[in-house]
């Protein structure tokens, strides 16, 4: 920041008031001179500078927090210069003293007031289903010879609907027969669909804000010394 401050740059305080112009740069601080009728000198450190934009230097201090130079602090108001209107006797003379005042001009700037972040989170939940399934079971029954003889031979039309007999059986010969038993199992397939939507809308709301700004203005104080003739009151100036 030291190399950014140069002589001739305008200096502003933290409240936006123009303090003056840089008239000298030292090793650790720089000198500012300002004022319309009465010149004032201030001293600021390079560490007090918060921003430099173009030819403007912005301090992080208010006007009351800026330190005056040692010369101004020692003399104060005692060294106020006096201007004497010199003119010949009986010659009308006029002295114009300009009085300045500050005007406040509020303006609107756009800044970020906040943020809204929306995160999509995946959650896992367990769904329970009750699904009826079927399974085959093997029932083995032994039928005695007497029961078979009691039933007697089946009529031809009932032979087709009778219980089937395993083929390939040979009397007095060992054999193995495989009877498969089947069952139903439940398989779950998943599909994706939209169950809810979140709509985010941004709108502009206009509110009325009350702002306050401190401005300064200069007034003139008229003092009489000796016998002075005048029309109207001395303090007839508009304040």
Protein backbone atom coordinates (compact mmCIF):
# COMPACT_ATOMS: atom_id res chain seq x y z
CA UNK A 1 0.00 0.00 0.00
CA UNK A 2 3.04 2.33 0.53
CA UNK A 3 3.83 2.56 -3.19
CA UNK A 4 0.16 3.19 -4.08
CA UNK A 5 -0.05 6.52 -2.22
CA UNK A 6 1.37 9.47 -4.18
CA UNK A 7 1.36 13.21 -3.82
CA UNK A 8 -1.67 14.94 -5.32
CA UNK A 9 -4.09 12.08 -4.58
CA UNK A 10 -7.43 12.84 -2.92
CA UNK A 11 -7.97 11.38 0.57
CA UNK A 12 -11.37 10.32 1.92
CA UNK A 13 -12.29 9.20 5.44
CA UNK A 14 -14.28 6.09 6.38
CA UNK A 15 -17.56 8.05 6.36
CA UNK A 16 -16.96 9.32 2.81
CA UNK A 17 -15.79 12.83 3.73
CA UNK A 18 -13.01 14.31 1.64
CA UNK A 19 -10.17 15.08 4.01
CA UNK A 20 -7.81 16.78 1.59
CA UNK A 21 -4.92 16.09 -0.75
CA UNK A 22 -1.66 14.21 -0.18
CA UNK A 23 1.15 16.79 -0.02
CA UNK A 24 4.00 14.63 1.26
CA UNK A 25 4.94 10.97 1.64
CA UNK A 26 7.26 9.73 4.39
CA UNK A 27 8.62 6.36 5.38
CA UNK A 28 5.75 5.28 7.66
CA UNK A 29 3.12 8.02 7.14
CA UNK A 30 2.00 10.66 4.70
CA UNK A 31 0.77 14.25 5.10
CA UNK A 32 -2.66 15.46 4.03
CA UNK A 33 -3.62 19.08 3.59
CA UNK A 34 -7.20 20.30 3.22
CA UNK A 35 -9.64 23.02 4.06
CA UNK A 36 -11.29 25.81 2.11
CA UNK A 37 -10.69 28.99 4.10
CA UNK A 38 -8.25 27.66 6.64
CA UNK A 39 -5.79 25.08 5.55
CA UNK A 40 -5.39 22.13 7.90
CA UNK A 41 -2.76 19.44 7.86
CA UNK A 42 -3.22 15.84 8.93
CA UNK A 43 -0.96 12.82 9.25
CA UNK A 44 -2.04 9.27 8.38
CA UNK A 45 -0.16 6.01 8.39
CA UNK A 46 -0.02 3.72 5.40
CA UNK A 47 -1.61 1.04 7.58
CA UNK A 48 -4.73 3.24 7.88
CA UNK A 49 -5.35 2.96 4.12
CA UNK A 50 -8.04 0.40 3.27
CA UNK A 51 -8.38 1.00 -0.47
CA UNK A 52 -6.79 2.93 -3.32
CA UNK A 53 -8.91 3.45 -6.42
CA UNK A 54 -7.43 5.57 -9.17
CA UNK A 55 -6.41 8.90 -7.61
CA UNK A 56 -8.55 8.36 -4.49
CA UNK A 57 -7.20 7.09 -1.18
CA UNK A 58 -9.76 5.73 1.31
CA UNK A 59 -8.87 5.55 4.98
CA UNK A 60 -10.35 3.28 7.62
CA UNK A 61 -10.61 6.22 10.04
CA UNK A 62 -13.22 8.94 10.50
CA UNK A 63 -12.30 12.61 10.36
CA UNK A 64 -12.16 12.82 14.15
CA UNK A 65 -9.81 9.83 14.30
CA UNK A 66 -7.26 11.25 11.86
CA UNK A 67 -4.32 12.80 13.71
CA UNK A 68 -3.45 16.44 12.95
CA UNK A 69 0.17 17.36 12.28
CA UNK A 70 2.29 18.40 15.24
CA UNK A 71 2.22 22.01 14.12
CA UNK A 72 -1.58 22.16 13.98
CA UNK A 73 -1.95 20.29 17.26
CA UNK A 74 0.41 22.68 19.07
CA UNK A 75 -1.14 25.95 17.91
CA UNK A 76 -4.77 24.95 17.32
CA UNK A 77 -7.12 27.81 16.94
CA UNK A 78 -4.55 30.31 18.29
CA UNK A 79 -2.82 30.54 14.92
CA UNK A 80 -5.96 31.29 12.93
CA UNK A 81 -4.89 33.67 10.13
CA UNK A 82 -6.68 36.94 9.86
CA UNK A 83 -7.32 38.67 6.54
CA UNK A 84 -7.44 42.49 6.66
CA UNK A 85 -9.27 44.39 3.94
CA UNK A 86 -6.91 47.21 3.01
CA UNK A 87 -8.31 50.16 1.12
CA UNK A 88 -7.81 53.91 1.00
CA UNK A 89 -9.79 56.12 3.33
CA UNK A 90 -13.40 56.79 2.27
CA UNK A 91 -13.10 54.20 -0.51
CA UNK A 92 -15.85 51.58 -0.56
CA UNK A 93 -14.46 48.12 -0.13
CA UNK A 94 -16.03 44.68 -0.25
CA UNK A 95 -14.69 41.34 0.95
CA UNK A 96 -16.30 38.18 -0.33
CA UNK A 97 -15.99 35.22 2.03
CA UNK A 98 -17.21 31.97 0.41
CA UNK A 99 -19.06 29.63 2.77
CA UNK A 100 -19.21 25.99 1.78
CA UNK A 101 -21.43 23.20 2.90
CA UNK A 102 -21.73 19.51 2.15
CA UNK A 103 -24.66 17.91 0.38
CA UNK A 104 -25.70 14.30 0.96
CA UNK A 105 -26.66 12.28 -2.11
CA UNK A 106 -27.96 8.82 -1.21
CA UNK A 107 -27.60 6.16 -3.88
CA UNK A 108 -28.42 2.50 -4.07
CA UNK A 109 -25.74 -0.16 -4.46
CA UNK A 110 -26.28 -3.88 -4.96
CA UNK A 111 -24.58 -6.27 -2.57
CA UNK A 112 -25.05 -9.89 -1.64
CA UNK A 113 -27.38 -10.24 1.34
CA UNK A 114 -27.29 -14.02 1.67
CA UNK A 115 -27.29 -17.36 -0.08
CA UNK A 116 -29.61 -20.33 -0.22
CA UNK A 117 -28.08 -23.72 -0.93
CA UNK A 118 -30.21 -26.72 -1.82
CA UNK A 119 -28.64 -30.17 -1.45
CA UNK A 120 -30.23 -33.35 -2.82
CA UNK A 121 -29.74 -36.16 -0.31
CA UNK A 122 -30.34 -39.85 -1.03
CA UNK A 123 -31.98 -41.70 1.85
CA UNK A 124 -32.51 -45.48 2.11
CA UNK A 125 -35.69 -46.96 3.53
CA UNK A 126 -36.99 -50.53 3.82
CA UNK A 127 -40.30 -51.44 2.18
CA UNK A 128 -42.19 -54.55 3.37
CA UNK A 129 -44.39 -56.64 1.04
CA UNK A 130 -46.48 -59.78 1.63
CA UNK A 131 -46.53 -61.89 -1.54
CA UNK A 132 -48.17 -65.36 -1.63
CA UNK A 133 -45.94 -68.01 -3.25
CA UNK A 134 -46.45 -71.70 -4.00
CA UNK A 135 -44.17 -74.70 -3.53
CA UNK A 136 -44.45 -78.39 -4.38
CA UNK A 137 -44.13 -81.06 -1.69
CA UNK A 138 -43.85 -84.86 -2.13
CA UNK A 139 -46.38 -87.11 -0.44
CA UNK A 140 -45.45 -90.80 -0.34
CA UNK A 141 -48.23 -93.35 0.37
CA UNK A 142 -47.93 -97.12 0.62
CA UNK A 143 -50.92 -99.07 -0.81
CA UNK A 144 -51.27 -102.71 0.28
CA UNK A 145 -51.99 -105.60 -2.03
CA UNK A 146 -55.37 -106.10 -0.44
CA UNK A 147 -56.33 -102.46 -1.16
CA UNK A 148 -55.33 -102.82 -4.80
CA UNK A 149 -57.29 -106.06 -5.15
CA UNK A 150 -60.27 -104.47 -3.48
CA UNK A 151 -60.36 -101.65 -5.97
CA UNK A 152 -60.54 -104.08 -8.86
CA UNK A 153 -59.63 -103.34 -12.44
CA UNK A 154 -60.34 -99.84 -13.70
CA UNK A 155 -62.72 -99.32 -16.60
CA UNK A 156 -61.08 -98.22 -19.86
CA UNK A 157 -62.41 -94.68 -19.63
CA UNK A 158 -60.90 -94.25 -16.13
CA UNK A 159 -57.45 -95.47 -17.04
CA UNK A 160 -56.52 -92.19 -18.72
CA UNK A 161 -57.38 -90.13 -15.62
CA UNK A 162 -55.76 -92.50 -13.18
CA UNK A 163 -52.52 -91.75 -11.47
CA UNK A 164 -49.58 -92.18 -13.86
CA UNK A 165 -47.21 -95.07 -13.31
CA UNK A 166 -43.47 -94.59 -13.57
CA UNK A 167 -42.12 -96.02 -16.78
CA UNK A 168 -38.96 -98.05 -17.06
CA UNK A 169 -39.59 -100.18 -14.01
CA UNK A 170 -38.19 -103.65 -14.38
CA UNK A 171 -39.12 -106.25 -11.81
CA UNK A 172 -36.31 -107.29 -9.52
CA UNK A 173 -34.02 -104.62 -10.84
CA UNK A 174 -32.77 -101.65 -8.73
CA UNK A 175 -33.38 -98.15 -10.02
CA UNK A 176 -33.29 -94.52 -9.03
CA UNK A 177 -35.96 -92.05 -9.97
CA UNK A 178 -35.60 -88.25 -9.55
CA UNK A 179 -38.81 -86.31 -8.91
CA UNK A 180 -38.18 -82.51 -9.09
CA UNK A 181 -40.05 -80.33 -6.61
CA UNK A 182 -40.52 -76.68 -7.60
CA UNK A 183 -41.40 -73.53 -5.72
CA UNK A 184 -42.13 -69.89 -6.52
CA UNK A 185 -39.71 -67.20 -5.41
CA UNK A 186 -40.19 -63.44 -5.14
CA UNK A 187 -37.88 -61.21 -7.15
CA UNK A 188 -38.00 -57.43 -6.69
CA UNK A 189 -37.48 -55.05 -9.58
CA UNK A 190 -37.14 -51.32 -8.98
CA UNK A 191 -38.20 -48.43 -11.17
CA UNK A 192 -37.42 -44.73 -10.76
CA UNK A 193 -40.11 -42.06 -10.87
CA UNK A 194 -40.54 -38.50 -9.60
CA UNK A 195 -42.47 -38.43 -6.36
CA UNK A 196 -42.02 -34.75 -5.47
CA UNK A 197 -40.71 -31.50 -6.92
CA UNK A 198 -39.09 -28.54 -5.17
CA UNK A 199 -39.68 -25.21 -6.91
CA UNK A 200 -37.39 -22.31 -5.98
CA UNK A 201 -38.41 -18.81 -7.02
CA UNK A 202 -36.57 -15.54 -6.52
CA UNK A 203 -38.47 -12.28 -6.39
CA UNK A 204 -37.64 -8.69 -5.56
CA UNK A 205 -39.23 -7.03 -2.55
CA UNK A 206 -39.05 -3.28 -2.19
CA UNK A 207 -38.75 -1.81 1.29
CA UNK A 208 -38.26 1.74 2.52
CA UNK A 209 -35.00 2.26 4.39
CA UNK A 210 -34.27 5.31 6.53
CA UNK A 211 -30.67 6.46 6.17
CA UNK A 212 -28.92 9.29 7.99
CA UNK A 213 -25.90 11.23 6.79
CA UNK A 214 -23.87 13.80 8.71
CA UNK A 215 -23.04 16.87 6.59
CA UNK A 216 -21.12 20.00 7.45
CA UNK A 217 -21.59 23.63 6.48
CA UNK A 218 -19.64 26.77 7.14
CA UNK A 219 -21.12 29.89 8.70
CA UNK A 220 -19.63 33.31 9.31
CA UNK A 221 -19.30 34.92 12.73
CA UNK A 222 -19.07 38.71 12.67
CA UNK A 223 -17.20 40.41 15.51
CA UNK A 224 -17.18 44.15 16.17
CA UNK A 225 -14.01 45.89 17.24
CA UNK A 226 -14.14 49.59 17.90
CA UNK A 227 -16.83 51.90 16.61
CA UNK A 228 -18.42 50.21 13.61
CA UNK A 229 -21.44 51.63 11.83
CA UNK A 230 -23.74 49.17 10.08
CA UNK A 231 -27.34 48.75 8.98
CA UNK A 232 -29.32 46.01 10.72
CA UNK A 233 -28.09 43.48 13.25
CA UNK A 234 -24.56 42.19 13.01
CA UNK A 235 -25.72 38.57 13.10
CA UNK A 236 -28.05 39.04 10.18
CA UNK A 237 -26.36 36.36 8.17
CA UNK A 238 -28.41 33.37 7.15
CA UNK A 239 -27.38 30.23 8.95
